[in-house]
C-alpha atoms as a PDB file:
ATOM      1  CA  UNK A   1      27.430 -20.227 -13.885  1.00  0.00           C
ATOM      2  CA  UNK A   2      29.251 -20.035 -17.230  1.00  0.00           C
ATOM      3  CA  UNK A   3      32.404 -18.560 -15.693  1.00  0.00           C
ATOM      4  CA  UNK A   4      32.651 -21.305 -13.078  1.00  0.00           C
ATOM      5  CA  UNK A   5      31.944 -24.024 -15.631  1.00  0.00           C
ATOM      6  CA  UNK A   6      34.272 -22.749 -18.376  1.00  0.00           C
ATOM      7  CA  UNK A   7      37.121 -21.324 -16.297  1.00  0.00           C
ATOM      8  CA  UNK A   8      36.922 -23.598 -13.251  1.00  0.00           C
ATOM      9  CA  UNK A   9      36.556 -22.752  -9.585  1.00  0.00           C
ATOM     10  CA  UNK A  10      40.353 -22.673  -9.095  1.00  0.00           C
ATOM     11  CA  UNK A  11      41.023 -20.291 -11.993  1.00  0.00           C
ATOM     12  CA  UNK A  12      43.404 -17.510 -10.907  1.00  0.00           C
ATOM     13  CA  UNK A  13      44.365 -14.215 -12.511  1.00  0.00           C
ATOM     14  CA  UNK A  14      47.955 -13.044 -12.874  1.00  0.00           C
ATOM     15  CA  UNK A  15      49.398  -9.521 -12.870  1.00  0.00           C
ATOM     16  CA  UNK A  16      53.105  -9.050 -13.459  1.00  0.00           C
ATOM     17  CA  UNK A  17      56.017  -6.713 -14.081  1.00  0.00           C
ATOM     18  CA  UNK A  18      58.068  -7.421 -17.198  1.00  0.00           C
ATOM     19  CA  UNK A  19      61.398  -6.172 -18.515  1.00  0.00           C
ATOM     20  CA  UNK A  20      65.142  -6.687 -18.432  1.00  0.00           C
ATOM     21  CA  UNK A  21      67.390  -5.595 -15.559  1.00  0.00           C
ATOM     22  CA  UNK A  22      70.683  -3.989 -16.561  1.00  0.00           C
ATOM     23  CA  UNK A  23      72.888  -2.532 -13.809  1.00  0.00           C
ATOM     24  CA  UNK A  24      69.885  -2.054 -11.539  1.00  0.00           C
ATOM     25  CA  UNK A  25      67.819  -0.284 -14.197  1.00  0.00           C
ATOM     26  CA  UNK A  26      64.764  -1.479 -16.121  1.00  0.00           C
ATOM     27  CA  UNK A  27      63.735   0.357 -19.281  1.00  0.00           C
ATOM     28  CA  UNK A  28      60.986  -0.154 -20.103  1.00  0.00           C
ATOM     29  CA  UNK A  29      59.197  -1.696 -17.142  1.00  0.00           C
ATOM     30  CA  UNK A  30      55.870  -3.176 -18.246  1.00  0.00           C
ATOM     31  CA  UNK A  31      52.856  -3.694 -15.990  1.00  0.00           C
ATOM     32  CA  UNK A  32      50.676  -6.402 -17.543  1.00  0.00           C
ATOM     33  CA  UNK A  33      47.413  -7.926 -16.350  1.00  0.00           C
ATOM     34  CA  UNK A  34      44.977 -10.587 -17.471  1.00  0.00           C
ATOM     35  CA  UNK A  35      41.734  -9.158 -16.176  1.00  0.00           C
ATOM     36  CA  UNK A  36      41.985  -9.606 -12.422  1.00  0.00           C
ATOM     37  CA  UNK A  37      39.042  -7.703 -10.898  1.00  0.00           C
ATOM     38  CA  UNK A  38      40.468  -7.616  -7.363  1.00  0.00           C
ATOM     39  CA  UNK A  39      43.838  -5.903  -7.919  1.00  0.00           C
ATOM     40  CA  UNK A  40      44.439  -3.381  -5.136  1.00  0.00           C
ATOM     41  CA  UNK A  41      47.038  -0.815  -4.134  1.00  0.00           C
ATOM     42  CA  UNK A  42      48.485  -3.284  -1.622  1.00  0.00           C
ATOM     43  CA  UNK A  43      49.167  -5.682  -4.487  1.00  0.00           C
ATOM     44  CA  UNK A  44      51.159  -2.997  -6.316  1.00  0.00           C
ATOM     45  CA  UNK A  45      53.172  -2.446  -3.122  1.00  0.00           C
ATOM     46  CA  UNK A  46      53.968  -6.171  -3.115  1.00  0.00           C
ATOM     47  CA  UNK A  47      55.157  -5.987  -6.724  1.00  0.00           C
ATOM     48  CA  UNK A  48      57.296  -2.940  -5.897  1.00  0.00           C
ATOM     49  CA  UNK A  49      58.874  -4.722  -2.918  1.00  0.00           C
ATOM     50  CA  UNK A  50      59.607  -7.786  -5.018  1.00  0.00           C
ATOM     51  CA  UNK A  51      61.195  -5.611  -7.705  1.00  0.00           C
ATOM     52  CA  UNK A  52      63.424  -3.968  -5.105  1.00  0.00           C
ATOM     53  CA  UNK A  53      64.531  -7.393  -3.863  1.00  0.00           C
ATOM     54  CA  UNK A  54      65.722  -8.155  -7.407  1.00  0.00           C
ATOM     55  CA  UNK A  55      68.092  -5.205  -7.130  1.00  0.00           C
ATOM     56  CA  UNK A  56      66.173  -2.709  -9.251  1.00  0.00           C
ATOM     57  CA  UNK A  57      67.035   0.872  -8.277  1.00  0.00           C
ATOM     58  CA  UNK A  58      65.686   2.838 -11.238  1.00  0.00           C
ATOM     59  CA  UNK A  59      63.051   2.596 -13.953  1.00  0.00           C
ATOM     60  CA  UNK A  60      63.172   4.358 -17.289  1.00  0.00           C
ATOM     61  CA  UNK A  61      59.766   4.320 -18.975  1.00  0.00           C
ATOM     62  CA  UNK A  62      56.799   2.626 -17.337  1.00  0.00           C
ATOM     63  CA  UNK A  63      54.340   1.020 -19.736  1.00  0.00           C
ATOM     64  CA  UNK A  64      50.891  -0.402 -19.006  1.00  0.00           C
ATOM     65  CA  UNK A  65      50.044  -3.328 -21.266  1.00  0.00           C
ATOM     66  CA  UNK A  66      46.264  -3.434 -21.644  1.00  0.00           C
ATOM     67  CA  UNK A  67      46.343  -5.647 -24.741  1.00  0.00           C
ATOM     68  CA  UNK A  68      44.530  -8.573 -23.094  1.00  0.00           C
ATOM     69  CA  UNK A  69      41.292  -6.548 -23.476  1.00  0.00           C
ATOM     70  CA  UNK A  70      40.160  -4.371 -26.359  1.00  0.00           C
ATOM     71  CA  UNK A  71      39.830  -0.592 -26.021  1.00  0.00           C
ATOM     72  CA  UNK A  72      36.080  -0.643 -25.327  1.00  0.00           C
ATOM     73  CA  UNK A  73      36.533  -0.171 -21.594  1.00  0.00           C
ATOM     74  CA  UNK A  74      32.990   1.187 -21.201  1.00  0.00           C
ATOM     75  CA  UNK A  75      30.788  -1.949 -21.264  1.00  0.00           C
ATOM     76  CA  UNK A  76      27.941  -2.209 -23.794  1.00  0.00           C
ATOM     77  CA  UNK A  77      24.858  -0.115 -22.908  1.00  0.00           C
ATOM     78  CA  UNK A  78      26.720   1.862 -20.219  1.00  0.00           C
ATOM     79  CA  UNK A  79      26.898   4.794 -22.640  1.00  0.00           C
ATOM     80  CA  UNK A  80      23.203   5.358 -21.917  1.00  0.00           C
ATOM     81  CA  UNK A  81      24.255   7.081 -18.692  1.00  0.00           C
ATOM     82  CA  UNK A  82      27.396   9.014 -19.724  1.00  0.00           C
ATOM     83  CA  UNK A  83      27.264  11.595 -16.928  1.00  0.00           C
ATOM     84  CA  UNK A  84      27.069   9.086 -14.079  1.00  0.00           C
ATOM     85  CA  UNK A  85      30.350   9.085 -12.137  1.00  0.00           C
ATOM     86  CA  UNK A  86      29.329   6.617  -9.405  1.00  0.00           C
ATOM     87  CA  UNK A  87      31.498   3.565  -8.825  1.00  0.00           C
ATOM     88  CA  UNK A  88      28.768   1.106  -9.859  1.00  0.00           C
ATOM     89  CA  UNK A  89      29.310   2.275 -13.459  1.00  0.00           C
ATOM     90  CA  UNK A  90      33.060   1.647 -13.432  1.00  0.00           C
ATOM     91  CA  UNK A  91      34.736   0.694 -16.742  1.00  0.00           C
ATOM     92  CA  UNK A  92      36.776  -2.473 -17.301  1.00  0.00           C
ATOM     93  CA  UNK A  93      40.378  -3.010 -18.385  1.00  0.00           C
ATOM     94  CA  UNK A  94      42.925  -5.824 -18.456  1.00  0.00           C
ATOM     95  CA  UNK A  95      44.969  -4.054 -15.775  1.00  0.00           C
ATOM     96  CA  UNK A  96      42.387  -2.570 -13.431  1.00  0.00           C
ATOM     97  CA  UNK A  97      43.210  -1.072 -10.039  1.00  0.00           C
ATOM     98  CA  UNK A  98      40.760  -0.681  -7.138  1.00  0.00           C
ATOM     99  CA  UNK A  99      37.781  -1.540  -9.365  1.00  0.00           C
ATOM    100  CA  UNK A 100      38.752   1.362 -11.660  1.00  0.00           C
ATOM    101  CA  UNK A 101      37.420   3.744  -9.034  1.00  0.00           C
ATOM    102  CA  UNK A 102      39.160   6.742  -7.448  1.00  0.00           C
ATOM    103  CA  UNK A 103      38.231   7.534  -3.842  1.00  0.00           C
ATOM    104  CA  UNK A 104      38.475  10.995  -2.314  1.00  0.00           C
ATOM    105  CA  UNK A 105      39.319  10.822   1.385  1.00  0.00           C
ATOM    106  CA  UNK A 106      38.506  13.872   3.525  1.00  0.00           C
ATOM    107  CA  UNK A 107      39.733  14.132   7.126  1.00  0.00           C
ATOM    108  CA  UNK A 108      38.479  17.211   9.057  1.00  0.00           C
ATOM    109  CA  UNK A 109      41.080  18.951  11.216  1.00  0.00           C
ATOM    110  CA  UNK A 110      40.388  22.029  13.401  1.00  0.00           C
ATOM    111  CA  UNK A 111      37.510  24.454  12.795  1.00  0.00           C
ATOM    112  CA  UNK A 112      38.649  27.244  10.495  1.00  0.00           C
ATOM    113  CA  UNK A 113      41.460  25.190   8.971  1.00  0.00           C
ATOM    114  CA  UNK A 114      41.448  23.200   5.715  1.00  0.00           C
ATOM    115  CA  UNK A 115      40.609  19.522   5.973  1.00  0.00           C
ATOM    116  CA  UNK A 116      43.218  16.991   4.901  1.00  0.00           C
ATOM    117  CA  UNK A 117      42.449  15.428   1.514  1.00  0.00           C
ATOM    118  CA  UNK A 118      43.925  12.771  -0.696  1.00  0.00           C
ATOM    119  CA  UNK A 119      42.887  10.310  -3.372  1.00  0.00           C
ATOM    120  CA  UNK A 120      43.234   6.546  -3.351  1.00  0.00           C
ATOM    121  CA  UNK A 121      44.938   5.022  -5.296  1.00  0.00           C
ATOM    122  CA  UNK A 122      47.786   7.555  -5.279  1.00  0.00           C
ATOM    123  CA  UNK A 123      49.098   9.435  -8.295  1.00  0.00           C
ATOM    124  CA  UNK A 124      45.943   9.102 -10.406  1.00  0.00           C
ATOM    125  CA  UNK A 125      43.908  12.245  -9.636  1.00  0.00           C
ATOM    126  CA  UNK A 126      44.979  15.879  -9.234  1.00  0.00           C
ATOM    127  CA  UNK A 127      42.990  17.871  -6.670  1.00  0.00           C
ATOM    128  CA  UNK A 128      41.803  21.384  -7.454  1.00  0.00           C
ATOM    129  CA  UNK A 129      40.222  23.215  -4.503  1.00  0.00           C
ATOM    130  CA  UNK A 130      39.890  22.586  -0.781  1.00  0.00           C
ATOM    131  CA  UNK A 131      37.432  21.569   1.930  1.00  0.00           C
ATOM    132  CA  UNK A 132      37.058  23.749   5.019  1.00  0.00           C
ATOM    133  CA  UNK A 133      36.788  22.298   8.510  1.00  0.00           C
ATOM    134  CA  UNK A 134      33.608  23.632  10.100  1.00  0.00           C
ATOM    135  CA  UNK A 135      32.633  23.981  13.734  1.00  0.00           C
ATOM    136  CA  UNK A 136      31.645  20.803  15.592  1.00  0.00           C
ATOM    137  CA  UNK A 137      28.096  19.740  14.795  1.00  0.00           C
ATOM    138  CA  UNK A 138      27.884  21.626  11.493  1.00  0.00           C
ATOM    139  CA  UNK A 139      27.699  18.431   9.429  1.00  0.00           C
ATOM    140  CA  UNK A 140      29.257  18.048   6.007  1.00  0.00           C
ATOM    141  CA  UNK A 141      28.562  19.275   2.499  1.00  0.00           C
ATOM    142  CA  UNK A 142      31.237  18.191   0.036  1.00  0.00           C
ATOM    143  CA  UNK A 143      31.172  19.162  -3.636  1.00  0.00           C
ATOM    144  CA  UNK A 144      33.139  16.887  -5.954  1.00  0.00           C
ATOM    145  CA  UNK A 145      33.208  16.895  -9.747  1.00  0.00           C
ATOM    146  CA  UNK A 146      35.643  15.151 -12.082  1.00  0.00           C
ATOM    147  CA  UNK A 147      37.139  16.684 -15.211  1.00  0.00           C
ATOM    148  CA  UNK A 148      39.046  14.384 -17.569  1.00  0.00           C
ATOM    149  CA  UNK A 149      41.795  16.097 -19.572  1.00  0.00           C
ATOM    150  CA  UNK A 150      44.213  14.767 -22.168  1.00  0.00           C
ATOM    151  CA  UNK A 151      46.819  13.459 -19.698  1.00  0.00           C
ATOM    152  CA  UNK A 152      45.196  14.050 -16.334  1.00  0.00           C
ATOM    153  CA  UNK A 153      42.056  13.620 -14.273  1.00  0.00           C
ATOM    154  CA  UNK A 154      41.187  16.719 -12.261  1.00  0.00           C
ATOM    155  CA  UNK A 155      38.962  16.622  -9.169  1.00  0.00           C
ATOM    156  CA  UNK A 156      37.281  19.940  -8.387  1.00  0.00           C
ATOM    157  CA  UNK A 157      36.590  19.926  -4.669  1.00  0.00           C
ATOM    158  CA  UNK A 158      34.815  22.314  -2.301  1.00  0.00           C
ATOM    159  CA  UNK A 159      32.523  22.534   0.706  1.00  0.00           C
ATOM    160  CA  UNK A 160      32.985  21.855   4.405  1.00  0.00           C
ATOM    161  CA  UNK A 161      33.145  19.031   6.951  1.00  0.00           C
ATOM    162  CA  UNK A 162      32.647  19.517  10.687  1.00  0.00           C
ATOM    163  CA  UNK A 163      35.464  19.122  13.171  1.00  0.00           C
ATOM    164  CA  UNK A 164      35.184  15.748  14.876  1.00  0.00           C
ATOM    165  CA  UNK A 165      33.653  13.899  11.941  1.00  0.00           C
ATOM    166  CA  UNK A 166      35.379  10.628  11.016  1.00  0.00           C
ATOM    167  CA  UNK A 167      37.219  10.181   7.757  1.00  0.00           C
ATOM    168  CA  UNK A 168      34.842  10.671   4.811  1.00  0.00           C
ATOM    169  CA  UNK A 169      35.108   8.759   1.524  1.00  0.00           C
ATOM    170  CA  UNK A 170      33.620   9.593  -1.884  1.00  0.00           C
ATOM    171  CA  UNK A 171      33.990   7.188  -4.830  1.00  0.00           C
ATOM    172  CA  UNK A 172      34.041   8.182  -8.489  1.00  0.00           C
ATOM    173  CA  UNK A 173      34.641   5.997 -11.527  1.00  0.00           C
ATOM    174  CA  UNK A 174      37.628   6.615 -13.778  1.00  0.00           C
ATOM    175  CA  UNK A 175      36.642   7.971 -17.175  1.00  0.00           C
ATOM    176  CA  UNK A 176      39.630   6.292 -18.836  1.00  0.00           C
ATOM    177  CA  UNK A 177      41.250   3.693 -16.555  1.00  0.00           C
ATOM    178  CA  UNK A 178      44.066   2.502 -18.798  1.00  0.00           C
ATOM    179  CA  UNK A 179      47.015   4.535 -17.469  1.00  0.00           C
ATOM    180  CA  UNK A 180      45.805   4.705 -13.855  1.00  0.00           C
ATOM    181  CA  UNK A 181      47.548   1.525 -12.586  1.00  0.00           C
ATOM    182  CA  UNK A 182      50.829   2.746 -14.050  1.00  0.00           C
ATOM    183  CA  UNK A 183      50.470   6.186 -12.472  1.00  0.00           C
ATOM    184  CA  UNK A 184      49.807   4.576  -9.099  1.00  0.00           C
ATOM    185  CA  UNK A 185      52.717   2.157  -9.508  1.00  0.00           C
ATOM    186  CA  UNK A 186      55.081   5.028 -10.409  1.00  0.00           C
ATOM    187  CA  UNK A 187      54.121   6.805  -7.177  1.00  0.00           C
ATOM    188  CA  UNK A 188      54.576   3.614  -5.143  1.00  0.00           C
ATOM    189  CA  UNK A 189      57.955   2.864  -6.733  1.00  0.00           C
ATOM    190  CA  UNK A 190      59.135   6.390  -5.972  1.00  0.00           C
ATOM    191  CA  UNK A 191      58.055   5.976  -2.334  1.00  0.00           C
ATOM    192  CA  UNK A 192      60.016   2.737  -2.325  1.00  0.00           C
ATOM    193  CA  UNK A 193      63.132   4.592  -3.535  1.00  0.00           C
ATOM    194  CA  UNK A 194      62.893   3.448  -7.147  1.00  0.00           C
ATOM    195  CA  UNK A 195      62.344   6.579  -9.263  1.00  0.00           C
ATOM    196  CA  UNK A 196      60.615   6.368 -12.629  1.00  0.00           C
ATOM    197  CA  UNK A 197      62.667   8.669 -14.856  1.00  0.00           C
ATOM    198  CA  UNK A 198      60.462   8.476 -17.941  1.00  0.00           C
ATOM    199  CA  UNK A 199      56.731   8.801 -18.360  1.00  0.00           C
ATOM    200  CA  UNK A 200      53.786   6.456 -17.926  1.00  0.00           C
ATOM    201  CA  UNK A 201      52.168   5.351 -21.165  1.00  0.00           C
ATOM    202  CA  UNK A 202      50.431   2.412 -22.823  1.00  0.00           C
ATOM    203  CA  UNK A 203      52.244  -0.401 -24.612  1.00  0.00           C
ATOM    204  CA  UNK A 204      54.846  -3.069 -23.972  1.00  0.00           C
ATOM    205  CA  UNK A 205      53.090  -6.120 -25.407  1.00  0.00           C
ATOM    206  CA  UNK A 206      56.346  -7.187 -27.070  1.00  0.00           C
ATOM    207  CA  UNK A 207      58.245  -7.373 -23.728  1.00  0.00           C
ATOM    208  CA  UNK A 208      58.137 -11.022 -22.610  1.00  0.00           C
ATOM    209  CA  UNK A 209      60.636 -11.380 -19.739  1.00  0.00           C
ATOM    210  CA  UNK A 210      58.675 -11.581 -16.479  1.00  0.00           C
ATOM    211  CA  UNK A 211      60.374 -10.235 -13.376  1.00  0.00           C
ATOM    212  CA  UNK A 212      57.765 -10.546 -10.618  1.00  0.00           C
ATOM    213  CA  UNK A 213      54.062 -11.363 -10.503  1.00  0.00           C
ATOM    214  CA  UNK A 214      50.983 -11.320  -8.291  1.00  0.00           C
ATOM    215  CA  UNK A 215      48.406 -14.115  -8.364  1.00  0.00           C
ATOM    216  CA  UNK A 216      44.815 -13.434  -7.377  1.00  0.00           C
ATOM    217  CA  UNK A 217      42.555 -15.481  -5.161  1.00  0.00           C
ATOM    218  CA  UNK A 218      40.651 -18.231  -6.940  1.00  0.00           C
ATOM    219  CA  UNK A 219      37.563 -17.548  -9.019  1.00  0.00           C
ATOM    220  CA  UNK A 220      35.465 -19.311  -6.384  1.00  0.00           C
ATOM    221  CA  UNK A 221      36.746 -16.902  -3.719  1.00  0.00           C
ATOM    222  CA  UNK A 222      36.067 -13.878  -5.934  1.00  0.00           C
ATOM    223  CA  UNK A 223      32.549 -14.965  -6.925  1.00  0.00           C
ATOM    224  CA  UNK A 224      30.767 -13.601  -3.801  1.00  0.00           C
ATOM    225  CA  UNK A 225      31.589 -10.100  -5.035  1.00  0.00           C
ATOM    226  CA  UNK A 226      29.347 -10.865  -8.002  1.00  0.00           C
ATOM    227  CA  UNK A 227      26.561 -12.669  -6.157  1.00  0.00           C
ATOM    228  CA  UNK A 228      26.422 -11.448  -2.579  1.00  0.00           C
ATOM    229  CA  UNK A 229      27.542  -7.893  -3.357  1.00  0.00           C
ATOM    230  CA  UNK A 230      25.868  -7.614  -6.790  1.00  0.00           C
ATOM    231  CA  UNK A 231      29.025  -5.976  -8.144  1.00  0.00           C
ATOM    232  CA  UNK A 232      28.501  -4.824 -11.749  1.00  0.00           C
ATOM    233  CA  UNK A 233      32.214  -4.304 -12.298  1.00  0.00           C
ATOM    234  CA  UNK A 234      33.037  -7.913 -11.395  1.00  0.00           C
ATOM    235  CA  UNK A 235      30.289  -9.139 -13.735  1.00  0.00           C
ATOM    236  CA  UNK A 236      31.698  -7.141 -16.649  1.00  0.00           C
ATOM    237  CA  UNK A 237      35.269  -8.257 -15.930  1.00  0.00           C
ATOM    238  CA  UNK A 238      34.275 -11.933 -15.799  1.00  0.00           C
ATOM    239  CA  UNK A 239      32.382 -11.578 -19.078  1.00  0.00           C
ATOM    240  CA  UNK A 240      35.428 -10.065 -20.763  1.00  0.00           C
ATOM    241  CA  UNK A 241      37.719 -12.792 -19.422  1.00  0.00           C
ATOM    242  CA  UNK A 242      35.315 -15.376 -20.877  1.00  0.00           C
ATOM    243  CA  UNK A 243      35.757 -13.578 -24.190  1.00  0.00           C
ATOM    244  CA  UNK A 244      39.545 -13.793 -23.930  1.00  0.00           C
ATOM    245  CA  UNK A 245      39.508 -17.469 -23.012  1.00  0.00           C
ATOM    246  CA  UNK A 246      37.027 -18.457 -25.729  1.00  0.00           C
ATOM    247  CA  UNK A 247      38.256 -16.326 -28.640  1.00  0.00           C
ATOM    248  CA  UNK A 248      41.691 -15.099 -27.603  1.00  0.00           C
ATOM    249  CA  UNK A 249      42.901 -11.577 -26.926  1.00  0.00           C
ATOM    250  CA  UNK A 250      42.090  -8.822 -27.298  1.00  0.00           C
ATOM    251  CA  UNK A 251      38.975  -9.750 -25.341  1.00  0.00           C
ATOM    252  CA  UNK A 252      35.674  -8.168 -26.320  1.00  0.00           C
ATOM    253  CA  UNK A 253      32.502  -8.061 -24.277  1.00  0.00           C
ATOM    254  CA  UNK A 254      30.722  -9.300 -27.396  1.00  0.00           C
ATOM    255  CA  UNK A 255      32.848 -12.483 -27.441  1.00  0.00           C
ATOM    256  CA  UNK A 256      32.082 -13.091 -23.778  1.00  0.00           C
ATOM    257  CA  UNK A 257      28.380 -12.664 -24.524  1.00  0.00           C
ATOM    258  CA  UNK A 258      28.681 -15.176 -27.372  1.00  0.00           C
ATOM    259  CA  UNK A 259      30.322 -17.639 -24.973  1.00  0.00           C
ATOM    260  CA  UNK A 260      27.392 -17.295 -22.562  1.00  0.00           C
ATOM    261  CA  UNK A 261      24.825 -17.674 -25.347  1.00  0.00           C
ATOM    262  CA  UNK A 262      26.660 -20.720 -26.726  1.00  0.00           C
ATOM    263  CA  UNK A 263      26.742 -22.335 -23.273  1.00  0.00           C
ATOM    264  CA  UNK A 264      23.001 -21.793 -22.929  1.00  0.00           C
ATOM    265  CA  UNK A 265      22.292 -23.027 -26.449  1.00  0.00           C
ATOM    266  CA  UNK A 266      24.288 -26.229 -25.954  1.00  0.00           C
ATOM    267  CA  UNK A 267      22.012 -27.049 -23.012  1.00  0.00           C
ATOM    268  CA  UNK A 268      18.779 -26.165 -24.745  1.00  0.00           C
ATOM    269  CA  UNK A 269      18.353 -23.034 -22.643  1.00  0.00           C
ATOM    270  CA  UNK A 270      18.464 -20.387 -25.373  1.00  0.00           C
ATOM    271  CA  UNK A 271      15.554 -19.222 -27.446  1.00  0.00           C
ATOM    272  CA  UNK A 272      14.567 -16.509 -29.903  1.00  0.00           C
ATOM    273  CA  UNK A 273      14.033 -13.927 -27.163  1.00  0.00           C
ATOM    274  CA  UNK A 274      17.435 -14.389 -25.519  1.00  0.00           C
ATOM    275  CA  UNK A 275      19.716 -11.352 -25.625  1.00  0.00           C
ATOM    276  CA  UNK A 276      23.071 -11.049 -23.868  1.00  0.00           C
ATOM    277  CA  UNK A 277      25.165  -7.920 -24.439  1.00  0.00           C
ATOM    278  CA  UNK A 278      26.854  -7.138 -21.135  1.00  0.00           C
ATOM    279  CA  UNK A 279      27.687  -9.009 -17.943  1.00  0.00           C
ATOM    280  CA  UNK A 280      25.811  -7.009 -15.330  1.00  0.00           C
ATOM    281  CA  UNK A 281      22.397  -6.651 -16.962  1.00  0.00           C
ATOM    282  CA  UNK A 282      22.458  -2.884 -16.437  1.00  0.00           C
ATOM    283  CA  UNK A 283      20.265  -0.701 -18.661  1.00  0.00           C
ATOM    284  CA  UNK A 284      18.392  -2.470 -21.487  1.00  0.00           C
ATOM    285  CA  UNK A 285      21.226  -4.763 -22.586  1.00  0.00           C
ATOM    286  CA  UNK A 286      19.945  -8.225 -21.690  1.00  0.00           C
ATOM    287  CA  UNK A 287      16.757 -10.248 -22.032  1.00  0.00           C
ATOM    288  CA  UNK A 288      16.567 -13.622 -20.273  1.00  0.00           C
ATOM    289  CA  UNK A 289      13.385 -15.608 -19.666  1.00  0.00           C
ATOM    290  CA  UNK A 290      12.359 -17.122 -16.343  1.00  0.00           C
ATOM    291  CA  UNK A 291      12.585 -20.534 -18.011  1.00  0.00           C
ATOM    292  CA  UNK A 292      16.217 -19.913 -18.929  1.00  0.00           C
ATOM    293  CA  UNK A 293      17.075 -18.806 -15.385  1.00  0.00           C
ATOM    294  CA  UNK A 294      15.466 -21.905 -13.875  1.00  0.00           C
ATOM    295  CA  UNK A 295      17.275 -24.042 -16.445  1.00  0.00           C
ATOM    296  CA  UNK A 296      20.631 -22.539 -15.453  1.00  0.00           C
ATOM    297  CA  UNK A 297      19.905 -23.294 -11.790  1.00  0.00           C
ATOM    298  CA  UNK A 298      18.996 -26.901 -12.619  1.00  0.00           C
ATOM    299  CA  UNK A 299      22.032 -27.429 -14.855  1.00  0.00           C
ATOM    300  CA  UNK A 300      24.395 -26.065 -12.224  1.00  0.00           C
ATOM    301  CA  UNK A 301      22.738 -28.058  -9.439  1.00  0.00           C
ATOM    302  CA  UNK A 302      23.561 -31.232 -11.391  1.00  0.00           C
ATOM    303  CA  UNK A 303      27.237 -30.256 -11.838  1.00  0.00           C
ATOM    304  CA  UNK A 304      29.140 -31.222  -8.654  1.00  0.00           C
ATOM    305  CA  UNK A 305      32.324 -29.547  -9.943  1.00  0.00           C
ATOM    306  CA  UNK A 306      30.856 -26.054  -9.533  1.00  0.00           C
ATOM    307  CA  UNK A 307      27.613 -26.400  -7.582  1.00  0.00           C
ATOM    308  CA  UNK A 308      29.089 -25.679  -4.083  1.00  0.00           C
ATOM    309  CA  UNK A 309      30.839 -22.510  -5.272  1.00  0.00           C
ATOM    310  CA  UNK A 310      27.818 -21.416  -7.294  1.00  0.00           C
ATOM    311  CA  UNK A 311      25.514 -21.825  -4.298  1.00  0.00           C
ATOM    312  CA  UNK A 312      27.939 -20.131  -1.910  1.00  0.00           C
ATOM    313  CA  UNK A 313      28.040 -16.902  -3.925  1.00  0.00           C
ATOM    314  CA  UNK A 314      24.287 -16.263  -3.730  1.00  0.00           C
ATOM    315  CA  UNK A 315      23.124 -13.423  -1.509  1.00  0.00           C
ATOM    316  CA  UNK A 316      20.795 -14.469   1.326  1.00  0.00           C
ATOM    317  CA  UNK A 317      17.954 -11.984   1.679  1.00  0.00           C
ATOM    318  CA  UNK A 318      18.021 -10.134   4.992  1.00  0.00           C
ATOM    319  CA  UNK A 319      21.309 -11.753   6.008  1.00  0.00           C
ATOM    320  CA  UNK A 320      24.112 -10.514   3.782  1.00  0.00           C
ATOM    321  CA  UNK A 321      25.931  -8.480   2.937  1.00  0.00           C
ATOM    322  CA  UNK A 322      24.500  -5.642   5.036  1.00  0.00           C
ATOM    323  CA  UNK A 323      22.689  -7.805   7.549  1.00  0.00           C
ATOM    324  CA  UNK A 324      25.752  -9.873   8.369  1.00  0.00           C
ATOM    325  CA  UNK A 325      27.934  -6.771   8.692  1.00  0.00           C
ATOM    326  CA  UNK A 326      25.495  -5.257  11.182  1.00  0.00           C
ATOM    327  CA  UNK A 327      25.346  -8.521  13.170  1.00  0.00           C
ATOM    328  CA  UNK A 328      29.143  -8.644  13.352  1.00  0.00           C
ATOM    329  CA  UNK A 329      29.221  -5.102  14.644  1.00  0.00           C
ATOM    330  CA  UNK A 330      26.570  -5.900  17.276  1.00  0.00           C
ATOM    331  CA  UNK A 331      28.592  -8.903  18.386  1.00  0.00           C
ATOM    332  CA  UNK A 332      31.795  -6.801  18.445  1.00  0.00           C
ATOM    333  CA  UNK A 333      33.450  -9.006  15.845  1.00  0.00           C
ATOM    334  CA  UNK A 334      34.866  -5.841  14.260  1.00  0.00           C
END
């Protein structure tokens, strides 16, 4: 409710490449984002294509500018579950790729031979180990553990998957997501024929010349990820963007929480028991009364500028998201 009211339903996020082209070379090339939660690998391919169309043939150093957000990429209270690698506990960052999650893809081949394996997005995770292809009907048992090191993220992989099984996917959050978009972009640029001669590191806030950019879908279009899909990562990203818009960068989750509390207070919906620390409500971070929740619903209902989008993002019990997906499959929609 606060995000739609303060940012507007048509608010869009921008991600761009910055630098100066000299004889086909850019050094440094800066990847900068403003908190878009939906940035995907396909979007990086679009940026790489656009850069090639400008005549860029080589990149020196590739920098990832995360200065829009502070360095607390693990949201408040998430530290209570430090050993949880599932995607629902993904961290947040100003430039975030694929929800700051790495996905292991396993494709069984022929019994007795290793399965094919790769990670999405590319260039972010190094695989240690292998998965055997078992006989048909033997099922699957995949072991996957992540080991963060100083300059790398290692995936230790083992187990088996039966011949004939479809492609298997296993998501794990990124321990430190800050360099990951740059590592993926370097791989994509190289595939595009634009080698990155230097390394991938953080920085570049002083580089102002924008070369190409990607604009996200509107906030209203992104909202169903928060409501219908109950996506914790989207909630935390929106909270941090509220912090940036209300107090300026670098955005802090605490400033976003203050913006929410101030919005509630201005409408008489606060109270001594109110506590807002993170955007998702995970763990013991937040305390909101039933009266406050009903008040938010009433306030938003009376605001025609955001009410349609606010209503549209709510999940309908028994219908979506899972129910609608199953109905579409029954009706052969996809």
